[in-house]
Amino acid sequence: MRRSARRDIAQDITDMIVARIEQGVLPWRRPWRMFGASDRPLRAKGEAYTGVNSILLWAIGDANGYRSRFWMTARQANELGGNVRRGARSAPSVYFNTVARPAGPTLTGEDTTRLIRFMRAYQVYNCDEIEGLPAHYYPDPLAIAEPDPSRHQAAIDAFFDPIPIEVRQGGNRAYYSPGGDYVQMPLKATFTSSDHHAATLAHEMAHASGASHRLAREFGKRFGDKAYAFEEIVADLTSGIVCSELGLPCELHDSHASYIAGWLAIMKSDKSAIITAAAKAEQAYRWLATWSQEKLSRRQEAGHDAALHADA
């Protein structure tokens, strides 16, 4: 029997995301309409998917109208007492690994090895397609009601305030100035809502995170004159992640048609571009989130010390 050609996972992922964008849907934004607040796709044990898996499962979930945030393998479903429905569609979840290969002897006769990085995928199912699971794997209709934006202001302030990047107010443009190393934002009152302001701020903060003295985000010759458009993809993905984690509604940061055309050109010419962009966005989000997490840790430590002194 002739063996079938190996599946090109990166190309499959890119084709799926490009198709959604060409339909007018940015996969890393619209799904909040389906899932509600803080809706990163989740693994069976509750951990959030990250990187390109997050974007991919958002896109597939949105396309199929799934309401559950959870995805798992058929084996995991069986272990939890569930069964995948007949005819259910699976989705790929990718992972990266390395393998050592002989690289030949050195000039001194010592054997050497080289590490080869590769990508693989396994199949997962949305829990809407699985019967018999514990109740928490299925969404409560009340939990996906669109929240009142004012409820999120404390979370927005707690996330952005500790970030050590200067934010200037005024004017009618939002941008990051590499030369001055500051973010310029129009007055908050000019935005439709505080959520729109937060989404735009997240986009510009993402740009600032890539400065040489922070994450030193570079794209090299691979993207050439498309580096600007690629950076916009990274910033927009980062904004989407921030909005998700803060529980903000979708479609907050407007994208120009020219940007989207540039994104499509990159994705169509480089099948691994969206995978790289997702990894860079995840890195940017984690850098931005570090500051609020550190501030919370300091507060907890201070409270603990105060309690010890009070007991003494």
Protein backbone atom coordinates (compact mmCIF):
# COMPACT_ATOMS: atom_id res chain seq x y z
CA MET A 1 0.00 0.00 0.00
CA ARG A 2 1.33 3.39 -0.92
CA ARG A 3 1.84 5.67 2.03
CA SER A 4 -0.01 8.99 1.85
CA ALA A 5 1.96 12.22 1.82
CA ARG A 6 2.72 13.73 5.21
CA ARG A 7 0.26 16.43 6.19
CA ASP A 8 1.61 19.98 6.14
CA ILE A 9 0.34 21.21 9.51
CA ALA A 10 1.66 24.76 9.16
CA GLN A 11 -0.01 25.15 5.76
CA ASP A 12 -3.31 23.77 7.07
CA ILE A 13 -3.29 26.24 9.97
CA THR A 14 -2.45 29.17 7.71
CA ASP A 15 -5.11 28.24 5.15
CA MET A 16 -7.78 28.03 7.84
CA ILE A 17 -6.91 31.40 9.38
CA VAL A 18 -6.56 33.11 5.98
CA ALA A 19 -10.01 31.80 5.01
CA ARG A 20 -11.55 33.32 8.15
CA ILE A 21 -9.88 36.69 7.57
CA GLU A 22 -11.03 36.73 3.94
CA GLN A 23 -14.56 36.25 5.24
CA GLY A 24 -14.11 39.42 7.28
CA VAL A 25 -13.42 37.69 10.60
CA LEU A 26 -10.26 38.18 12.65
CA PRO A 27 -10.11 34.88 14.57
CA TRP A 28 -8.37 36.39 17.58
CA ARG A 29 -11.19 38.89 18.13
CA ARG A 30 -14.66 37.73 17.18
CA PRO A 31 -14.89 34.65 19.40
CA TRP A 32 -15.63 36.71 22.52
CA ARG A 33 -19.06 37.22 21.03
CA MET A 34 -19.52 33.47 21.21
CA PHE A 35 -17.81 32.64 24.46
CA GLY A 36 -18.03 35.74 26.63
CA ALA A 37 -15.43 36.96 29.09
CA SER A 38 -11.89 35.61 29.49
CA ASP A 39 -12.42 33.03 26.84
CA ARG A 40 -9.05 31.59 25.91
CA PRO A 41 -9.62 28.01 24.77
CA LEU A 42 -8.88 25.64 27.65
CA ARG A 43 -7.31 22.19 27.90
CA ALA A 44 -9.03 19.35 29.72
CA LYS A 45 -7.43 20.32 33.07
CA GLY A 46 -8.25 24.01 32.67
CA GLU A 47 -4.93 25.36 31.41
CA ALA A 48 -5.27 27.94 28.65
CA TYR A 49 -3.99 27.16 25.18
CA THR A 50 -1.33 29.63 24.07
CA GLY A 51 0.36 30.75 20.88
CA VAL A 52 -1.03 29.56 17.58
CA ASN A 53 -3.17 26.87 19.28
CA SER A 54 -5.18 29.62 20.96
CA ILE A 55 -5.81 31.40 17.66
CA LEU A 56 -6.52 28.19 15.76
CA LEU A 57 -9.07 26.87 18.25
CA TRP A 58 -10.71 30.31 18.48
CA ALA A 59 -11.15 30.27 14.69
CA ILE A 60 -12.51 26.73 14.58
CA GLY A 61 -14.79 27.31 17.56
CA ASP A 62 -16.18 30.47 16.01
CA ALA A 63 -16.70 28.86 12.61
CA ASN A 64 -18.65 25.98 14.16
CA GLY A 65 -20.56 28.01 16.73
CA TYR A 66 -19.15 26.11 19.70
CA ARG A 67 -19.95 27.56 23.10
CA SER A 68 -17.68 25.52 25.36
CA ARG A 69 -14.15 26.80 26.01
CA PHE A 70 -12.79 23.29 26.62
CA TRP A 71 -11.04 21.01 24.14
CA MET A 72 -9.68 17.51 24.73
CA THR A 73 -8.63 14.31 23.03
CA ALA A 74 -11.02 11.37 22.65
CA ARG A 75 -8.93 9.47 25.20
CA GLN A 76 -9.23 12.27 27.76
CA ALA A 77 -12.99 12.38 27.17
CA ASN A 78 -13.26 8.63 27.83
CA GLU A 79 -11.20 8.94 31.02
CA LEU A 80 -13.66 11.59 32.25
CA GLY A 81 -16.65 9.40 31.47
CA GLY A 82 -17.59 11.11 28.21
CA ASN A 83 -17.95 10.02 24.60
CA VAL A 84 -17.18 11.93 21.42
CA ARG A 85 -20.33 12.14 19.31
CA ARG A 86 -20.43 10.19 16.07
CA GLY A 87 -19.44 12.46 13.18
CA ALA A 88 -17.78 15.03 15.43
CA ARG A 89 -15.05 17.10 13.79
CA SER A 90 -11.64 17.15 15.39
CA ALA A 91 -9.19 20.04 15.37
CA PRO A 92 -5.39 19.95 15.36
CA SER A 93 -3.42 21.05 18.41
CA VAL A 94 0.22 21.54 17.55
CA TYR A 95 3.32 21.14 19.65
CA PHE A 96 7.02 21.59 19.05
CA ASN A 97 9.81 19.22 20.01
CA THR A 98 13.45 18.54 19.24
CA VAL A 99 15.34 15.44 18.24
CA ALA A 100 19.10 14.85 18.30
CA ARG A 101 20.75 13.69 15.09
CA PRO A 102 24.39 12.73 14.49
CA ALA A 103 26.34 15.63 12.99
CA GLY A 104 29.59 13.79 12.27
CA PRO A 105 32.95 13.91 14.01
CA THR A 106 34.84 17.09 14.83
CA LEU A 107 38.41 17.75 13.71
CA THR A 108 39.58 16.03 16.89
CA GLY A 109 37.49 12.97 16.13
CA GLU A 110 34.74 13.58 18.71
CA ASP A 111 31.20 12.65 17.72
CA THR A 112 28.74 15.56 17.67
CA THR A 113 24.99 15.90 17.45
CA ARG A 114 22.67 18.58 16.17
CA LEU A 115 19.19 19.38 17.46
CA ILE A 116 16.39 19.46 14.91
CA ARG A 117 13.16 21.25 15.88
CA PHE A 118 9.94 19.86 14.46
CA MET A 119 6.20 20.39 14.72
CA ARG A 120 3.60 17.72 15.31
CA ALA A 121 -0.15 17.74 15.90
CA TYR A 122 -2.69 15.67 17.77
CA GLN A 123 -6.47 15.83 17.41
CA VAL A 124 -8.78 17.44 19.97
CA TYR A 125 -12.54 17.92 20.17
CA ASN A 126 -14.58 20.79 21.52
CA CYS A 127 -16.65 19.69 24.50
CA ASP A 128 -19.82 20.68 22.65
CA GLU A 129 -19.07 17.55 20.61
CA ILE A 130 -18.63 15.33 23.68
CA GLU A 131 -21.43 13.83 25.75
CA GLY A 132 -21.41 12.79 29.39
CA LEU A 133 -18.69 15.08 30.75
CA PRO A 134 -18.91 16.80 34.16
CA ALA A 135 -21.11 19.90 34.06
CA HIS A 136 -18.31 22.48 34.26
CA TYR A 137 -17.14 21.57 30.74
CA TYR A 138 -20.39 22.97 29.33
CA PRO A 139 -21.11 26.72 29.39
CA ASP A 140 -23.75 28.28 31.58
CA PRO A 141 -25.92 30.57 29.38
CA LEU A 142 -25.78 33.23 32.10
CA ALA A 143 -21.98 33.20 32.01
CA ILE A 144 -21.77 34.27 28.37
CA ALA A 145 -23.98 37.35 28.63
CA GLU A 146 -22.10 40.45 27.50
CA PRO A 147 -20.80 42.18 30.62
CA ASP A 148 -21.21 45.82 31.52
CA PRO A 149 -17.92 47.49 30.42
CA SER A 150 -17.76 49.49 33.65
CA ARG A 151 -17.27 46.27 35.60
CA HIS A 152 -13.79 45.85 34.13
CA GLN A 153 -12.20 49.19 34.93
CA ALA A 154 -10.48 47.94 38.07
CA ALA A 155 -8.96 45.03 36.15
CA ILE A 156 -7.90 47.36 33.33
CA ASP A 157 -6.19 49.76 35.74
CA ALA A 158 -4.52 46.92 37.66
CA PHE A 159 -3.08 45.52 34.44
CA PHE A 160 -1.81 48.72 32.78
CA ASP A 161 -0.83 51.00 35.67
CA PRO A 162 2.31 49.08 36.78
CA ILE A 163 3.78 48.80 33.26
CA PRO A 164 6.90 51.03 33.19
CA ILE A 165 6.18 52.68 29.84
CA GLU A 166 5.33 56.37 29.62
CA VAL A 167 1.84 57.14 28.32
CA ARG A 168 1.12 60.64 27.02
CA GLN A 169 -2.44 61.92 26.58
CA GLY A 170 -3.81 64.15 23.84
CA GLY A 171 -4.05 64.51 20.09
CA ASN A 172 -6.07 62.37 17.72
CA ARG A 173 -3.64 59.51 17.08
CA ALA A 174 -2.60 56.43 19.02
CA TYR A 175 0.98 55.29 18.43
CA TYR A 176 4.25 54.20 19.99
CA SER A 177 7.23 56.51 19.46
CA PRO A 178 10.44 54.43 19.25
CA GLY A 179 12.62 57.56 19.41
CA GLY A 180 10.96 58.98 22.52
CA ASP A 181 10.05 55.57 23.94
CA TYR A 182 6.51 56.57 24.89
CA VAL A 183 2.96 55.67 23.94
CA GLN A 184 0.72 58.49 22.73
CA MET A 185 -3.02 58.10 23.34
CA PRO A 186 -5.98 60.37 22.56
CA LEU A 187 -7.89 61.52 25.63
CA LYS A 188 -9.90 58.68 27.12
CA ALA A 189 -13.11 60.68 26.83
CA THR A 190 -12.81 60.59 23.04
CA PHE A 191 -13.16 56.79 22.93
CA THR A 192 -16.50 55.04 22.61
CA SER A 193 -15.87 53.26 25.92
CA SER A 194 -13.11 52.55 28.41
CA ASP A 195 -12.88 49.08 26.89
CA HIS A 196 -12.08 50.54 23.47
CA HIS A 197 -9.45 52.71 25.12
CA ALA A 198 -7.93 49.67 26.86
CA ALA A 199 -7.82 47.63 23.64
CA THR A 200 -6.06 50.42 21.79
CA LEU A 201 -3.64 50.96 24.68
CA ALA A 202 -2.84 47.23 24.64
CA HIS A 203 -2.02 47.45 20.93
CA GLU A 204 0.41 50.33 21.42
CA MET A 205 1.92 48.82 24.57
CA ALA A 206 2.58 45.69 22.53
CA HIS A 207 4.62 47.78 20.07
CA ALA A 208 6.53 49.32 22.98
CA SER A 209 7.32 45.88 24.41
CA GLY A 210 9.38 45.10 21.32
CA ALA A 211 11.90 47.90 21.92
CA SER A 212 15.58 46.93 21.94
CA HIS A 213 15.90 47.37 25.72
CA ARG A 214 12.82 45.21 26.36
CA LEU A 215 12.07 42.15 24.21
CA ALA A 216 14.27 43.31 21.31
CA ARG A 217 11.73 42.03 18.80
CA GLU A 218 13.31 41.65 15.38
CA PHE A 219 12.11 39.86 12.28
CA GLY A 220 15.29 39.79 10.20
CA LYS A 221 15.58 39.34 6.46
CA ARG A 222 12.82 36.76 6.39
CA PHE A 223 10.14 39.46 6.31
CA GLY A 224 12.17 42.29 4.76
CA ASP A 225 9.92 45.18 3.80
CA LYS A 226 6.93 43.31 5.28
CA ALA A 227 8.33 43.67 8.80
CA TYR A 228 6.01 46.61 9.55
CA ALA A 229 2.90 44.63 8.62
CA PHE A 230 4.18 41.66 10.62
CA GLU A 231 4.68 43.86 13.68
CA GLU A 232 1.06 45.01 13.31
CA ILE A 233 -0.10 41.38 13.39
CA VAL A 234 1.89 40.83 16.59
CA ALA A 235 0.45 43.97 18.22
CA ASP A 236 -3.09 43.10 17.22
CA LEU A 237 -2.76 39.54 18.48
CA THR A 238 -1.36 40.85 21.76
CA SER A 239 -4.28 43.25 22.11
CA GLY A 240 -6.64 40.35 21.54
CA ILE A 241 -4.98 38.30 24.28
CA VAL A 242 -5.11 41.22 26.73
CA CYS A 243 -8.80 41.80 25.98
CA SER A 244 -9.51 38.12 26.52
CA GLU A 245 -7.68 37.98 29.83
CA LEU A 246 -9.40 41.15 31.09
CA GLY A 247 -12.83 39.93 30.01
CA LEU A 248 -13.42 42.71 27.47
CA PRO A 249 -15.79 42.36 24.51
CA CYS A 250 -14.50 41.64 21.02
CA GLU A 251 -13.83 43.84 17.99
CA LEU A 252 -12.55 46.78 19.99
CA HIS A 253 -9.48 47.84 18.04
CA ASP A 254 -10.30 48.85 14.46
CA SER A 255 -7.99 47.58 11.74
CA HIS A 256 -7.52 49.37 8.45
CA ALA A 257 -8.19 47.41 5.28
CA SER A 258 -4.61 48.07 4.17
CA TYR A 259 -3.30 46.37 7.31
CA ILE A 260 -5.44 43.31 6.76
CA ALA A 261 -4.35 43.12 3.11
CA GLY A 262 -0.75 43.20 4.30
CA TRP A 263 -1.41 40.46 6.82
CA LEU A 264 -2.96 38.23 4.19
CA ALA A 265 -0.02 38.78 1.85
CA ILE A 266 2.40 37.69 4.57
CA MET A 267 0.41 34.62 5.56
CA LYS A 268 -0.07 33.49 1.98
CA SER A 269 3.62 33.82 1.19
CA ASP A 270 4.94 32.28 4.43
CA LYS A 271 3.00 29.39 5.93
CA SER A 272 4.76 29.65 9.30
CA ALA A 273 4.30 33.43 9.69
CA ILE A 274 1.15 33.18 11.82
CA ILE A 275 2.85 30.62 14.08
CA THR A 276 5.78 33.00 14.57
CA ALA A 277 3.45 35.97 15.13
CA ALA A 278 1.44 34.07 17.73
CA ALA A 279 4.61 33.16 19.63
CA LYS A 280 5.81 36.78 19.57
CA ALA A 281 2.41 38.01 20.76
CA GLU A 282 2.36 35.52 23.61
CA GLN A 283 5.82 36.75 24.63
CA ALA A 284 4.64 40.39 24.49
CA TYR A 285 1.55 39.62 26.56
CA ARG A 286 3.57 37.84 29.22
CA TRP A 287 6.01 40.74 29.43
CA LEU A 288 3.16 43.23 29.90
CA ALA A 289 1.37 41.01 32.42
CA THR A 290 4.51 40.48 34.48
CA TRP A 291 4.29 43.94 36.01
CA SER A 292 0.80 43.59 37.44
CA GLN A 293 1.62 40.10 38.69
CA GLU A 294 4.73 41.38 40.46
CA LYS A 295 2.77 44.22 42.05
CA LEU A 296 0.15 41.77 43.31
CA SER A 297 2.89 39.54 44.75
CA ARG A 298 4.45 42.50 46.59
CA ARG A 299 1.07 43.44 48.07
CA GLN A 300 0.51 39.88 49.25
CA GLU A 301 3.97 39.75 50.83
CA ALA A 302 3.39 43.11 52.55
CA GLY A 303 0.06 41.89 53.88
CA HIS A 304 1.68 38.71 55.16
CA ASP A 305 4.43 40.67 56.92
CA ALA A 306 1.88 43.02 58.47
CA ALA A 307 -0.10 40.05 59.76
CA LEU A 308 3.04 38.55 61.34
CA HIS A 309 3.83 41.83 63.12
CA ALA A 310 0.26 42.09 64.35
CA ASP A 311 0.39 38.59 65.77
CA ALA A 312 3.68 39.38 67.47
